Structure formats: C-alpha cells, structure tokens
N, C-alpha and C. Protein backbone atom coordinates (compact mmCIF):
# COMPACT_ATOMS: atom_id res chain seq x y z
N MET A 1 -128.39 -56.77 64.74
CA MET A 1 -127.35 -57.91 64.65
C MET A 1 -127.43 -57.26 62.69
N ASN A 2 -126.12 -57.59 62.08
CA ASN A 2 -125.43 -56.93 60.93
C ASN A 2 -125.80 -57.78 60.19
N ARG A 3 -126.01 -57.24 58.60
CA ARG A 3 -126.75 -58.48 57.91
C ARG A 3 -125.43 -59.71 57.53
N SER A 4 -123.93 -59.45 57.36
CA SER A 4 -123.31 -60.73 57.41
C SER A 4 -123.42 -62.14 58.76
N SER A 5 -124.14 -61.25 59.53
CA SER A 5 -124.23 -62.32 61.32
C SER A 5 -125.19 -63.02 60.91
N LEU A 6 -126.34 -62.92 60.33
CA LEU A 6 -127.68 -62.50 60.12
C LEU A 6 -127.76 -64.00 58.96
N ALA A 7 -127.16 -63.80 57.64
CA ALA A 7 -126.46 -64.53 56.75
C ALA A 7 -125.96 -65.89 57.69
N LYS A 8 -124.57 -65.89 58.42
CA LYS A 8 -124.82 -67.25 59.86
C LYS A 8 -125.35 -67.39 60.25
N PHE A 9 -126.23 -66.70 60.91
CA PHE A 9 -127.43 -67.41 61.36
C PHE A 9 -127.91 -68.54 60.83
N VAL A 10 -128.91 -67.28 59.99
CA VAL A 10 -129.37 -68.82 58.72
C VAL A 10 -129.54 -69.66 57.74
N GLY A 11 -128.33 -69.28 57.66
CA GLY A 11 -126.88 -70.49 56.98
C GLY A 11 -126.53 -71.73 58.44
N ALA A 12 -125.65 -71.27 59.09
CA ALA A 12 -126.21 -72.20 60.45
C ALA A 12 -126.86 -73.21 60.82
N GLY A 13 -128.14 -72.92 60.62
CA GLY A 13 -129.57 -72.98 61.03
C GLY A 13 -130.49 -73.87 59.70
N VAL A 14 -130.14 -73.62 58.85
CA VAL A 14 -129.97 -74.28 56.99
C VAL A 14 -129.81 -76.03 57.31
N ILE A 15 -128.10 -75.14 58.01
CA ILE A 15 -126.91 -76.76 57.58
C ILE A 15 -127.64 -77.28 59.21
N SER A 16 -128.02 -77.22 60.21
CA SER A 16 -128.35 -77.76 61.29
C SER A 16 -129.38 -78.84 61.11
N LEU A 17 -130.38 -77.49 60.66
CA LEU A 17 -131.78 -78.29 60.80
C LEU A 17 -132.67 -79.95 59.21
N GLY A 18 -130.61 -79.38 58.83
CA GLY A 18 -130.88 -80.33 57.77
C GLY A 18 -130.14 -81.89 58.13
N LEU A 19 -129.42 -81.16 58.68
CA LEU A 19 -128.91 -82.85 59.57
C LEU A 19 -129.79 -83.83 60.74
N ALA A 20 -131.05 -82.57 61.43
CA ALA A 20 -131.21 -82.77 62.20
C ALA A 20 -132.42 -84.00 61.25
N ILE A 21 -133.11 -83.55 60.51
CA ILE A 21 -134.31 -83.87 59.02
C ILE A 21 -133.32 -85.43 58.79
N THR A 22 -132.40 -85.24 57.53
CA THR A 22 -131.71 -86.30 57.23
C THR A 22 -131.73 -87.84 57.53
N PRO A 23 -131.85 -87.59 59.56
CA PRO A 23 -131.72 -89.34 59.02
C PRO A 23 -133.51 -89.73 59.16
N LEU A 24 -134.68 -88.91 59.80
CA LEU A 24 -135.47 -89.22 59.64
C LEU A 24 -135.91 -89.76 58.05
N THR A 25 -135.46 -89.53 57.08
CA THR A 25 -136.02 -89.41 55.47
C THR A 25 -135.72 -90.84 55.29
N LEU A 26 -134.39 -91.75 55.93
CA LEU A 26 -134.16 -92.52 55.38
C LEU A 26 -134.11 -94.09 55.79
N PRO A 27 -134.27 -95.14 55.33
CA PRO A 27 -135.52 -96.48 56.00
C PRO A 27 -134.94 -96.96 56.91
N ALA A 28 -135.67 -97.35 57.42
CA ALA A 28 -134.74 -98.08 58.52
C ALA A 28 -134.95 -99.52 58.63
N THR A 29 -133.71 -99.44 58.90
CA THR A 29 -133.63 -101.83 58.73
C THR A 29 -132.94 -102.23 59.65
N ALA A 30 -133.63 -103.27 60.26
CA ALA A 30 -133.56 -104.13 60.86
C ALA A 30 -132.93 -106.22 60.44
N GLN A 31 -131.43 -106.13 61.45
CA GLN A 31 -131.24 -107.39 61.33
C GLN A 31 -132.64 -108.04 61.30
N ASN A 32 -132.33 -109.38 59.74
CA ASN A 32 -133.70 -110.16 60.43
C ASN A 32 -133.12 -111.08 59.88
N THR A 33 -132.02 -111.71 60.40
CA THR A 33 -131.66 -113.66 60.33
C THR A 33 -132.62 -114.59 60.72
N ALA A 34 -132.24 -115.60 61.30
CA ALA A 34 -133.64 -116.47 60.95
C ALA A 34 -132.12 -117.48 62.12
N GLU A 35 -133.65 -117.72 63.07
CA GLU A 35 -132.18 -118.29 64.07
C GLU A 35 -131.65 -119.58 64.32
N THR A 36 -130.69 -119.93 64.72
CA THR A 36 -130.29 -121.30 64.19
C THR A 36 -129.53 -121.95 65.37
N ASP A 37 -129.44 -122.85 65.65
CA ASP A 37 -128.94 -123.39 66.70
C ASP A 37 -127.30 -123.46 66.61
N SER A 38 -126.80 -123.17 65.76
CA SER A 38 -125.47 -123.59 66.21
C SER A 38 -124.95 -121.77 65.18
N PRO A 39 -124.04 -121.00 65.07
CA PRO A 39 -123.75 -120.46 64.14
C PRO A 39 -122.60 -121.08 63.92
N THR A 40 -122.23 -120.12 62.74
CA THR A 40 -122.32 -120.14 61.08
C THR A 40 -120.77 -120.41 61.51
N LEU A 41 -119.68 -121.65 61.29
CA LEU A 41 -118.25 -120.85 61.17
C LEU A 41 -118.08 -121.01 59.35
N ASP A 42 -116.70 -120.22 59.33
CA ASP A 42 -116.46 -119.89 58.41
C ASP A 42 -115.24 -120.90 58.24
N THR A 43 -115.39 -121.79 57.49
CA THR A 43 -113.76 -123.25 57.25
C THR A 43 -112.22 -122.46 56.08
N THR A 44 -113.35 -120.88 55.81
CA THR A 44 -112.31 -121.11 54.86
C THR A 44 -110.49 -121.11 54.72
N PRO A 45 -109.57 -121.27 54.72
CA PRO A 45 -108.12 -121.08 54.97
C PRO A 45 -107.84 -119.37 54.14
N LEU A 46 -106.96 -118.30 55.56
CA LEU A 46 -107.11 -117.57 54.76
C LEU A 46 -105.67 -117.15 53.67
N GLN A 47 -105.60 -116.79 53.12
CA GLN A 47 -105.35 -117.14 51.86
C GLN A 47 -104.35 -116.15 51.20
N GLU A 48 -102.82 -115.23 52.10
CA GLU A 48 -102.50 -113.60 51.35
C GLU A 48 -101.69 -114.17 50.88
N THR A 49 -102.25 -113.13 50.42
CA THR A 49 -101.42 -112.27 48.45
C THR A 49 -100.03 -111.54 48.71
N GLU A 50 -98.84 -112.34 47.30
CA GLU A 50 -98.33 -110.98 47.56
C GLU A 50 -97.54 -110.49 46.39
N ASN A 51 -98.18 -108.89 46.65
CA ASN A 51 -98.22 -107.83 45.98
C ASN A 51 -97.33 -107.08 45.76
N ASP A 52 -95.91 -107.47 45.17
CA ASP A 52 -95.60 -106.28 45.19
C ASP A 52 -95.57 -104.79 44.81
N PHE A 53 -96.48 -105.04 43.97
CA PHE A 53 -96.48 -103.63 42.97
C PHE A 53 -96.98 -102.38 44.51
N ASN A 54 -97.74 -102.80 45.50
CA ASN A 54 -98.48 -101.60 46.27
C ASN A 54 -96.94 -101.50 47.79
N ASN A 55 -96.80 -100.56 46.97
CA ASN A 55 -95.59 -99.87 48.49
C ASN A 55 -96.35 -99.00 48.88
N PHE A 56 -98.12 -98.51 49.49
CA PHE A 56 -98.57 -98.05 50.20
C PHE A 56 -97.37 -96.73 51.09
N GLY A 57 -96.64 -97.75 51.81
CA GLY A 57 -96.17 -97.52 52.86
C GLY A 57 -94.95 -96.16 52.59
N TRP A 58 -94.42 -96.23 51.10
CA TRP A 58 -93.21 -94.78 50.42
C TRP A 58 -94.63 -93.68 50.22
N LEU A 59 -95.70 -93.85 49.16
CA LEU A 59 -96.54 -93.11 49.57
C LEU A 59 -96.43 -92.14 50.48
N GLY A 60 -97.10 -92.87 52.37
CA GLY A 60 -97.30 -92.36 52.86
C GLY A 60 -96.59 -91.64 53.68
N LEU A 61 -94.90 -91.55 53.04
CA LEU A 61 -93.85 -91.73 54.08
C LEU A 61 -93.78 -90.38 52.78
N LEU A 62 -93.66 -90.07 52.09
CA LEU A 62 -93.83 -88.51 51.02
C LEU A 62 -95.19 -87.73 51.45
N GLY A 63 -95.88 -88.57 51.48
CA GLY A 63 -96.65 -87.63 51.94
C GLY A 63 -97.14 -86.80 53.56
N LEU A 64 -95.62 -87.16 54.01
CA LEU A 64 -95.75 -87.23 55.75
C LEU A 64 -94.59 -85.64 55.13
N ILE A 65 -93.79 -86.53 54.14
CA ILE A 65 -92.44 -85.07 53.92
C ILE A 65 -93.44 -83.53 53.20
N GLY A 66 -94.46 -84.30 52.76
CA GLY A 66 -94.55 -82.18 52.27
C GLY A 66 -95.63 -81.68 53.60
N LEU A 67 -95.72 -82.58 54.60
CA LEU A 67 -96.80 -81.84 55.34
C LEU A 67 -96.17 -81.56 55.89
N ALA A 68 -94.83 -82.00 56.07
CA ALA A 68 -93.03 -81.53 56.63
C ALA A 68 -93.02 -79.89 56.22
N LYS A 69 -94.00 -79.73 55.19
CA LYS A 69 -93.58 -78.05 55.03
C LYS A 69 -94.44 -77.24 55.78
N LEU A 70 -95.58 -77.36 56.23
CA LEU A 70 -96.64 -76.90 56.73
C LEU A 70 -95.94 -76.56 57.99
N PHE A 71 -95.57 -76.65 58.80
CA PHE A 71 -95.15 -76.04 60.05
C PHE A 71 -94.52 -75.21 60.41
N PRO A 72 -94.25 -74.68 60.70
CA PRO A 72 -93.51 -73.21 60.44
C PRO A 72 -92.10 -73.86 61.59
N LYS A 73 -90.96 -73.46 61.26
CA LYS A 73 -89.44 -73.76 61.91
C LYS A 73 -89.41 -72.69 62.71
N ALA A 74 -89.20 -72.55 64.51
CA ALA A 74 -89.61 -71.80 65.43
C ALA A 74 -88.34 -70.62 65.08
N SER A 75 -87.81 -69.48 64.81
CA SER A 75 -87.26 -68.34 64.91
C SER A 75 -85.68 -68.55 66.08
N ARG A 76 -85.27 -68.67 66.68
CA ARG A 76 -84.57 -68.41 67.00
C ARG A 76 -83.39 -66.65 66.97
N THR A 77 -83.47 -66.17 67.74
CA THR A 77 -83.60 -65.03 68.53
C THR A 77 -81.97 -64.66 69.51
N CYS A 78 -81.33 -64.19 69.54
CA CYS A 78 -80.07 -64.43 70.19
C CYS A 78 -80.11 -62.66 70.96
N THR A 79 -80.43 -62.27 71.50
CA THR A 79 -79.51 -61.10 72.02
C THR A 79 -79.26 -61.48 72.98
N THR A 80 -77.95 -60.24 73.34
CA THR A 80 -77.50 -60.47 74.60
C THR A 80 -77.18 -59.02 74.70
N SER A 81 -76.81 -58.45 76.19
CA SER A 81 -76.99 -58.32 76.73
C SER A 81 -75.39 -57.39 77.98
C-alpha cells in the first residue's frame, strides 16, 4: 500500500467509526405520554393566510434554469459517405 491509499483507508475508517459511535453517545428518549380513554382531537379550524410576497415557484424555476447550464448538449456530427 502506498501512502495515499493508506491515508484514504485510515480516513474512511475514522469516519465510519465516528458514525458508528455517535448514536451510542446520544441520550435515549422514549414516548412518555399518559394513557387516556379517548384521543385528544384538535378542533381548531384551519386558517389559510394569503401571502403574495412569497412566490417560491418562480425562485425554483430560476434555479432549474440555472442547473440546465450544467448538462452538456449532445454534439451532432454528420458524416456522409
């Protein structure tokens, strides 16, 4: 093994070990709700607000247009025999 592949192997090992140990360090929590005879229903009516200043559809469309530049066009070569 040369030095660069050894460094990649050790780096991948450190990352995988860190990802494996991280869940063990977090506190475990469980749902702690009291038992009730009937479920609680939210009877608050939905209130939709109209906000004309948030037009995220156009922002997404501009983002897609910007991403279109990243895809190369297929070159057309015409050969005649």
